[in-house]
């Protein structure tokens, strides 16, 4: 089941990564005084790392849901074919 819809799963992962990283970057930037370039790099890097960790978990969750729907649809097709 996990090999079905690889493009959709990749798109979900990319969108989740970008979205979560942006939100985290905004939250961190609004709560941290960025006075040097090093501080800005730390904020960006931290939001990217945390965002990718959260996006990975979100992608696994969504992919599991997609696999469940695909399995349900396949079983429904098989039951109606009999």
PDB file of N, CA and C in Angstrom:
ATOM      1  N   UNK A   1       0.797  -1.195   0.000  1.00  0.00           N
ATOM      2  CA  UNK A   1       0.000   0.000   0.000  1.00  0.00           C
ATOM      3  C   UNK A   1       0.845   1.266   0.000  1.00  0.00           C
ATOM      4  N   UNK A   2       1.995   1.230   0.650  1.00  0.00           N
ATOM      5  CA  UNK A   2       2.762   2.462   0.824  1.00  0.00           C
ATOM      6  C   UNK A   2       3.381   2.958  -0.479  1.00  0.00           C
ATOM      7  N   UNK A   3       3.363   2.136  -1.541  1.00  0.00           N
ATOM      8  CA  UNK A   3       3.936   2.563  -2.809  1.00  0.00           C
ATOM      9  C   UNK A   3       2.941   3.308  -3.686  1.00  0.00           C
ATOM     10  N   UNK A   4       1.698   3.389  -3.280  1.00  0.00           N
ATOM     11  CA  UNK A   4       0.691   4.073  -4.071  1.00  0.00           C
ATOM     12  C   UNK A   4       0.725   5.568  -3.773  1.00  0.00           C
ATOM     13  N   UNK A   5       0.505   6.353  -4.800  1.00  0.00           N
ATOM     14  CA  UNK A   5       0.446   7.807  -4.706  1.00  0.00           C
ATOM     15  C   UNK A   5       1.728   8.429  -4.148  1.00  0.00           C
ATOM     16  N   UNK A   6       2.897   8.083  -4.685  1.00  0.00           N
ATOM     17  CA  UNK A   6       4.138   8.646  -4.133  1.00  0.00           C
ATOM     18  C   UNK A   6       4.250  10.157  -4.343  1.00  0.00           C
ATOM     19  N   UNK A   7       3.708  10.672  -5.443  1.00  0.00           N
ATOM     20  CA  UNK A   7       3.792  12.107  -5.696  1.00  0.00           C
ATOM     21  C   UNK A   7       2.940  12.871  -4.699  1.00  0.00           C
ATOM     22  N   UNK A   8       1.755  12.366  -4.400  1.00  0.00           N
ATOM     23  CA  UNK A   8       0.886  13.022  -3.419  1.00  0.00           C
ATOM     24  C   UNK A   8       1.542  13.026  -2.042  1.00  0.00           C
ATOM     25  N   UNK A   9       2.162  11.924  -1.685  1.00  0.00           N
ATOM     26  CA  UNK A   9       2.814  11.841  -0.380  1.00  0.00           C
ATOM     27  C   UNK A   9       4.011  12.786  -0.303  1.00  0.00           C
ATOM     28  N   UNK A  10       4.772  12.888  -1.386  1.00  0.00           N
ATOM     29  CA  UNK A  10       5.893  13.821  -1.411  1.00  0.00           C
ATOM     30  C   UNK A  10       5.398  15.263  -1.325  1.00  0.00           C
ATOM     31  N   UNK A  11       4.335  15.576  -2.041  1.00  0.00           N
ATOM     32  CA  UNK A  11       3.780  16.928  -2.002  1.00  0.00           C
ATOM     33  C   UNK A  11       3.308  17.280  -0.600  1.00  0.00           C
ATOM     34  N   UNK A  12       2.663  16.343   0.070  1.00  0.00           N
ATOM     35  CA  UNK A  12       2.211  16.587   1.440  1.00  0.00           C
ATOM     36  C   UNK A  12       3.398  16.850   2.350  1.00  0.00           C
ATOM     37  N   UNK A  13       4.457  16.068   2.195  1.00  0.00           N
ATOM     38  CA  UNK A  13       5.642  16.254   3.027  1.00  0.00           C
ATOM     39  C   UNK A  13       6.282  17.628   2.786  1.00  0.00           C
ATOM     40  N   UNK A  14       6.401  18.019   1.534  1.00  0.00           N
ATOM     41  CA  UNK A  14       7.016  19.309   1.216  1.00  0.00           C
ATOM     42  C   UNK A  14       6.167  20.463   1.750  1.00  0.00           C
ATOM     43  N   UNK A  15       4.854  20.397   1.538  1.00  0.00           N
ATOM     44  CA  UNK A  15       3.975  21.454   2.039  1.00  0.00           C
ATOM     45  C   UNK A  15       4.004  21.535   3.559  1.00  0.00           C
ATOM     46  N   UNK A  16       3.996  20.399   4.213  1.00  0.00           N
ATOM     47  CA  UNK A  16       4.055  20.399   5.670  1.00  0.00           C
ATOM     48  C   UNK A  16       5.382  20.981   6.152  1.00  0.00           C
ATOM     49  N   UNK A  17       6.471  20.615   5.511  1.00  0.00           N
ATOM     50  CA  UNK A  17       7.789  21.123   5.907  1.00  0.00           C
ATOM     51  C   UNK A  17       7.872  22.629   5.779  1.00  0.00           C
ATOM     52  N   UNK A  18       7.456  23.135   4.635  1.00  0.00           N
ATOM     53  CA  UNK A  18       7.536  24.577   4.396  1.00  0.00           C
ATOM     54  C   UNK A  18       6.607  25.326   5.349  1.00  0.00           C
ATOM     55  N   UNK A  19       5.384  24.846   5.497  1.00  0.00           N
ATOM     56  CA  UNK A  19       4.415  25.525   6.350  1.00  0.00           C
ATOM     57  C   UNK A  19       4.830  25.555   7.804  1.00  0.00           C
ATOM     58  N   UNK A  20       5.244  24.408   8.325  1.00  0.00           N
ATOM     59  CA  UNK A  20       5.649  24.343   9.729  1.00  0.00           C
ATOM     60  C   UNK A  20       6.900  25.170   9.966  1.00  0.00           C
ATOM     61  N   UNK A  21       7.865  25.101   9.063  1.00  0.00           N
ATOM     62  CA  UNK A  21       9.091  25.897   9.222  1.00  0.00           C
ATOM     63  C   UNK A  21       8.788  27.389   9.223  1.00  0.00           C
ATOM     64  N   UNK A  22       7.874  27.825   8.369  1.00  0.00           N
ATOM     65  CA  UNK A  22       7.498  29.240   8.313  1.00  0.00           C
ATOM     66  C   UNK A  22       6.841  29.683   9.611  1.00  0.00           C
ATOM     67  N   UNK A  23       5.895  28.890  10.097  1.00  0.00           N
ATOM     68  CA  UNK A  23       5.210  29.241  11.342  1.00  0.00           C
ATOM     69  C   UNK A  23       6.193  29.278  12.505  1.00  0.00           C
ATOM     70  N   UNK A  24       7.046  28.281  12.606  1.00  0.00           N
ATOM     71  CA  UNK A  24       8.028  28.259  13.688  1.00  0.00           C
ATOM     72  C   UNK A  24       9.011  29.417  13.581  1.00  0.00           C
ATOM     73  N   UNK A  25       9.432  29.733  12.373  1.00  0.00           N
ATOM     74  CA  UNK A  25      10.339  30.858  12.179  1.00  0.00           C
ATOM     75  C   UNK A  25       9.685  32.150  12.645  1.00  0.00           C
ATOM     76  N   UNK A  26       8.408  32.342  12.312  1.00  0.00           N
ATOM     77  CA  UNK A  26       7.701  33.544  12.755  1.00  0.00           C
ATOM     78  C   UNK A  26       7.579  33.585  14.277  1.00  0.00           C
ATOM     79  N   UNK A  27       7.244  32.463  14.881  1.00  0.00           N
ATOM     80  CA  UNK A  27       7.103  32.417  16.344  1.00  0.00           C
ATOM     81  C   UNK A  27       8.430  32.716  17.020  1.00  0.00           C
ATOM     82  N   UNK A  28       9.477  32.055  16.564  1.00  0.00           N
ATOM     83  CA  UNK A  28      10.792  32.256  17.180  1.00  0.00           C
ATOM     84  C   UNK A  28      11.276  33.683  16.940  1.00  0.00           C
ATOM     85  N   UNK A  29      11.113  34.188  15.726  1.00  0.00           N
ATOM     86  CA  UNK A  29      11.578  35.542  15.407  1.00  0.00           C
ATOM     87  C   UNK A  29      10.868  36.596  16.244  1.00  0.00           C
ATOM     88  N   UNK A  30       9.581  36.389  16.506  1.00  0.00           N
ATOM     89  CA  UNK A  30       8.822  37.361  17.292  1.00  0.00           C
ATOM     90  C   UNK A  30       9.141  37.297  18.777  1.00  0.00           C
ATOM     91  N   UNK A  31       9.784  36.235  19.225  1.00  0.00           N
ATOM     92  CA  UNK A  31      10.070  36.075  20.655  1.00  0.00           C
ATOM     93  C   UNK A  31      11.557  36.097  20.986  1.00  0.00           C
ATOM     94  N   UNK A  32      12.396  36.313  19.994  1.00  0.00           N
ATOM     95  CA  UNK A  32      13.840  36.350  20.210  1.00  0.00           C
ATOM     96  C   UNK A  32      14.369  37.653  19.635  1.00  0.00           C
ATOM     97  N   UNK A  33      15.218  38.309  20.407  1.00  0.00           N
ATOM     98  CA  UNK A  33      15.857  39.527  19.907  1.00  0.00           C
ATOM     99  C   UNK A  33      17.012  39.143  18.990  1.00  0.00           C
ATOM    100  N   UNK A  34      16.828  39.386  17.722  1.00  0.00           N
ATOM    101  CA  UNK A  34      17.859  39.075  16.733  1.00  0.00           C
ATOM    102  C   UNK A  34      18.661  40.349  16.510  1.00  0.00           C
ATOM    103  N   UNK A  35      19.900  40.332  16.997  1.00  0.00           N
ATOM    104  CA  UNK A  35      20.727  41.538  16.882  1.00  0.00           C
ATOM    105  C   UNK A  35      21.923  41.347  15.964  1.00  0.00           C
ATOM    106  N   UNK A  36      22.293  40.102  15.705  1.00  0.00           N
ATOM    107  CA  UNK A  36      23.436  39.850  14.825  1.00  0.00           C
ATOM    108  C   UNK A  36      23.027  38.859  13.734  1.00  0.00           C
ATOM    109  N   UNK A  37      23.874  38.760  12.746  1.00  0.00           N
ATOM    110  CA  UNK A  37      23.642  37.795  11.679  1.00  0.00           C
ATOM    111  C   UNK A  37      23.671  36.376  12.232  1.00  0.00           C
ATOM    112  N   UNK A  38      24.529  36.142  13.207  1.00  0.00           N
ATOM    113  CA  UNK A  38      24.612  34.816  13.822  1.00  0.00           C
ATOM    114  C   UNK A  38      23.289  34.460  14.499  1.00  0.00           C
ATOM    115  N   UNK A  39      22.664  35.436  15.147  1.00  0.00           N
ATOM    116  CA  UNK A  39      21.360  35.187  15.771  1.00  0.00           C
ATOM    117  C   UNK A  39      20.311  34.834  14.721  1.00  0.00           C
ATOM    118  N   UNK A  40      20.321  35.539  13.611  1.00  0.00           N
ATOM    119  CA  UNK A  40      19.358  35.268  12.535  1.00  0.00           C
ATOM    120  C   UNK A  40      19.563  33.873  11.966  1.00  0.00           C
ATOM    121  N   UNK A  41      20.808  33.468  11.817  1.00  0.00           N
ATOM    122  CA  UNK A  41      21.110  32.127  11.312  1.00  0.00           C
ATOM    123  C   UNK A  41      20.651  31.071  12.308  1.00  0.00           C
ATOM    124  N   UNK A  42      20.859  31.321  13.588  1.00  0.00           N
ATOM    125  CA  UNK A  42      20.422  30.375  14.623  1.00  0.00           C
ATOM    126  C   UNK A  42      18.907  30.228  14.618  1.00  0.00           C
ATOM    127  N   UNK A  43      18.185  31.333  14.492  1.00  0.00           N
ATOM    128  CA  UNK A  43      16.720  31.284  14.458  1.00  0.00           C
ATOM    129  C   UNK A  43      16.261  30.505  13.242  1.00  0.00           C
ATOM    130  N   UNK A  44      16.835  30.803  12.086  1.00  0.00           N
ATOM    131  CA  UNK A  44      16.442  30.126  10.849  1.00  0.00           C
ATOM    132  C   UNK A  44      16.753  28.637  10.921  1.00  0.00           C
ATOM    133  N   UNK A  45      17.953  28.293  11.407  1.00  0.00           N
ATOM    134  CA  UNK A  45      18.357  26.891  11.495  1.00  0.00           C
ATOM    135  C   UNK A  45      17.490  26.128  12.490  1.00  0.00           C
ATOM    136  N   UNK A  46      17.237  26.731  13.633  1.00  0.00           N
ATOM    137  CA  UNK A  46      16.397  26.081  14.636  1.00  0.00           C
ATOM    138  C   UNK A  46      14.988  25.829  14.127  1.00  0.00           C
ATOM    139  N   UNK A  47      14.410  26.824  13.457  1.00  0.00           N
ATOM    140  CA  UNK A  47      13.053  26.642  12.937  1.00  0.00           C
ATOM    141  C   UNK A  47      13.033  25.595  11.833  1.00  0.00           C
ATOM    142  N   UNK A  48      14.074  25.531  11.038  1.00  0.00           N
ATOM    143  CA  UNK A  48      14.154  24.532   9.978  1.00  0.00           C
ATOM    144  C   UNK A  48      14.248  23.118  10.553  1.00  0.00           C
ATOM    145  N   UNK A  49      15.085  22.934  11.556  1.00  0.00           N
ATOM    146  CA  UNK A  49      15.260  21.604  12.156  1.00  0.00           C
ATOM    147  C   UNK A  49      13.980  21.160  12.860  1.00  0.00           C
ATOM    148  N   UNK A  50      13.424  22.023  13.702  1.00  0.00           N
ATOM    149  CA  UNK A  50      12.199  21.661  14.418  1.00  0.00           C
ATOM    150  C   UNK A  50      11.054  21.463  13.428  1.00  0.00           C
ATOM    151  N   UNK A  51      10.990  22.328  12.425  1.00  0.00           N
ATOM    152  CA  UNK A  51       9.950  22.198  11.406  1.00  0.00           C
ATOM    153  C   UNK A  51      10.038  20.895  10.647  1.00  0.00           C
ATOM    154  N   UNK A  52      11.243  20.470  10.308  1.00  0.00           N
ATOM    155  CA  UNK A  52      11.386  19.211   9.573  1.00  0.00           C
ATOM    156  C   UNK A  52      11.032  18.014  10.451  1.00  0.00           C
ATOM    157  N   UNK A  53      11.321  18.104  11.749  1.00  0.00           N
ATOM    158  CA  UNK A  53      10.950  17.017  12.657  1.00  0.00           C
ATOM    159  C   UNK A  53       9.433  16.904  12.769  1.00  0.00           C
ATOM    160  N   UNK A  54       8.764  18.035  12.925  1.00  0.00           N
ATOM    161  CA  UNK A  54       7.307  18.028  13.026  1.00  0.00           C
ATOM    162  C   UNK A  54       6.688  17.601  11.699  1.00  0.00           C
ATOM    163  N   UNK A  55       7.230  18.082  10.595  1.00  0.00           N
ATOM    164  CA  UNK A  55       6.706  17.722   9.274  1.00  0.00           C
ATOM    165  C   UNK A  55       6.865  16.230   9.011  1.00  0.00           C
ATOM    166  N   UNK A  56       7.952  15.643   9.460  1.00  0.00           N
ATOM    167  CA  UNK A  56       8.154  14.199   9.287  1.00  0.00           C
ATOM    168  C   UNK A  56       7.063  13.418  10.019  1.00  0.00           C
ATOM    169  N   UNK A  57       6.758  13.831  11.220  1.00  0.00           N
ATOM    170  CA  UNK A  57       5.696  13.164  11.990  1.00  0.00           C
ATOM    171  C   UNK A  57       4.335  13.376  11.323  1.00  0.00           C
ATOM    172  N   UNK A  58       4.082  14.589  10.874  1.00  0.00           N
ATOM    173  CA  UNK A  58       2.810  14.885  10.203  1.00  0.00           C
ATOM    174  C   UNK A  58       2.682  14.077   8.915  1.00  0.00           C
ATOM    175  N   UNK A  59       3.763  13.947   8.172  1.00  0.00           N
ATOM    176  CA  UNK A  59       3.738  13.180   6.927  1.00  0.00           C
ATOM    177  C   UNK A  59       3.442  11.707   7.197  1.00  0.00           C
ATOM    178  N   UNK A  60       4.051  11.157   8.230  1.00  0.00           N
ATOM    179  CA  UNK A  60       3.779   9.758   8.583  1.00  0.00           C
ATOM    180  C   UNK A  60       2.308   9.589   8.944  1.00  0.00           C
ATOM    181  N   UNK A  61       1.761  10.541   9.671  1.00  0.00           N
ATOM    182  CA  UNK A  61       0.353  10.472  10.066  1.00  0.00           C
ATOM    183  C   UNK A  61      -0.556  10.524   8.837  1.00  0.00           C
ATOM    184  N   UNK A  62      -0.318  11.485   7.956  1.00  0.00           N
ATOM    185  CA  UNK A  62      -1.153  11.632   6.760  1.00  0.00           C
ATOM    186  C   UNK A  62      -0.983  10.436   5.834  1.00  0.00           C
ATOM    187  N   UNK A  63       0.247   9.956   5.682  1.00  0.00           N
ATOM    188  CA  UNK A  63       0.477   8.786   4.830  1.00  0.00           C
ATOM    189  C   UNK A  63      -0.243   7.556   5.376  1.00  0.00           C
ATOM    190  N   UNK A  64      -0.267   7.408   6.681  1.00  0.00           N
ATOM    191  CA  UNK A  64      -1.008   6.306   7.277  1.00  0.00           C
ATOM    192  C   UNK A  64      -2.497   6.412   6.998  1.00  0.00           C
ATOM    193  N   UNK A  65      -3.021   7.617   7.074  1.00  0.00           N
ATOM    194  CA  UNK A  65      -4.440   7.835   6.770  1.00  0.00           C
ATOM    195  C   UNK A  65      -4.724   7.553   5.301  1.00  0.00           C
ATOM    196  N   UNK A  66      -3.819   7.990   4.413  1.00  0.00           N
ATOM    197  CA  UNK A  66      -3.998   7.727   2.982  1.00  0.00           C
ATOM    198  C   UNK A  66      -3.982   6.229   2.706  1.00  0.00           C
ATOM    199  N   UNK A  67      -3.055   5.510   3.339  1.00  0.00           N
ATOM    200  CA  UNK A  67      -2.978   4.060   3.154  1.00  0.00           C
ATOM    201  C   UNK A  67      -4.258   3.382   3.641  1.00  0.00           C
ATOM    202  N   UNK A  68      -4.821   3.878   4.750  1.00  0.00           N
ATOM    203  CA  UNK A  68      -6.062   3.305   5.268  1.00  0.00           C
ATOM    204  C   UNK A  68      -7.219   3.532   4.295  1.00  0.00           C
ATOM    205  N   UNK A  69      -7.288   4.711   3.716  1.00  0.00           N
ATOM    206  CA  UNK A  69      -8.356   5.010   2.753  1.00  0.00           C
ATOM    207  C   UNK A  69      -8.178   4.169   1.493  1.00  0.00           C
ATOM    208  N   UNK A  70      -6.946   4.022   1.037  1.00  0.00           N
ATOM    209  CA  UNK A  70      -6.679   3.205  -0.148  1.00  0.00           C
ATOM    210  C   UNK A  70      -7.064   1.752   0.117  1.00  0.00           C
ATOM    211  N   UNK A  71      -6.703   1.227   1.289  1.00  0.00           N
ATOM    212  CA  UNK A  71      -7.055  -0.155   1.635  1.00  0.00           C
ATOM    213  C   UNK A  71      -8.570  -0.316   1.709  1.00  0.00           C
ATOM    214  N   UNK A  72      -9.253   0.657   2.309  1.00  0.00           N
ATOM    215  CA  UNK A  72     -10.713   0.602   2.389  1.00  0.00           C
ATOM    216  C   UNK A  72     -11.327   0.597   0.995  1.00  0.00           C
ATOM    217  N   UNK A  73     -10.821   1.454   0.122  1.00  0.00           N
ATOM    218  CA  UNK A  73     -11.351   1.539  -1.236  1.00  0.00           C
ATOM    219  C   UNK A  73     -11.104   0.242  -1.995  1.00  0.00           C
ATOM    220  N   UNK A  74      -9.927  -0.334  -1.843  1.00  0.00           N
ATOM    221  CA  UNK A  74      -9.623  -1.608  -2.508  1.00  0.00           C
ATOM    222  C   UNK A  74     -10.530  -2.727  -1.999  1.00  0.00           C
ATOM    223  N   UNK A  75     -10.754  -2.770  -0.687  1.00  0.00           N
ATOM    224  CA  UNK A  75     -11.634  -3.813  -0.153  1.00  0.00           C
ATOM    225  C   UNK A  75     -13.072  -3.601  -0.595  1.00  0.00           C
ATOM    226  N   UNK A  76     -13.497  -2.351  -0.728  1.00  0.00           N
ATOM    227  CA  UNK A  76     -14.839  -2.042  -1.209  1.00  0.00           C
ATOM    228  C   UNK A  76     -14.992  -2.483  -2.661  1.00  0.00           C
ATOM    229  N   UNK A  77     -13.961  -2.219  -3.475  1.00  0.00           N
ATOM    230  CA  UNK A  77     -13.985  -2.648  -4.876  1.00  0.00           C
ATOM    231  C   UNK A  77     -14.045  -4.175  -4.972  1.00  0.00           C
ATOM    232  N   UNK A  78     -13.252  -4.846  -4.149  1.00  0.00           N
ATOM    233  CA  UNK A  78     -13.238  -6.315  -4.183  1.00  0.00           C
ATOM    234  C   UNK A  78     -14.563  -6.886  -3.731  1.00  0.00           C
ATOM    235  N   UNK A  79     -15.197  -6.280  -2.739  1.00  0.00           N
ATOM    236  CA  UNK A  79     -16.489  -6.771  -2.257  1.00  0.00           C
ATOM    237  C   UNK A  79     -17.604  -6.544  -3.283  1.00  0.00           C
ATOM    238  N   UNK A  80     -17.529  -5.434  -3.991  1.00  0.00           N
ATOM    239  CA  UNK A  80     -18.581  -5.160  -4.982  1.00  0.00           C
ATOM    240  C   UNK A  80     -18.371  -5.981  -6.267  1.00  0.00           C
ATOM    241  N   UNK A  81     -17.151  -6.447  -6.506  1.00  0.00           N
ATOM    242  CA  UNK A  81     -16.878  -7.260  -7.687  1.00  0.00           C
ATOM    243  C   UNK A  81     -17.383  -8.687  -7.518  1.00  0.00           C
ATOM    244  N   UNK A  82     -17.585  -9.118  -6.299  1.00  0.00           N
ATOM    245  CA  UNK A  82     -18.025 -10.503  -6.054  1.00  0.00           C
ATOM    246  C   UNK A  82     -19.474 -10.654  -6.228  1.00  0.00           C
TER     247      UNK A  82
END
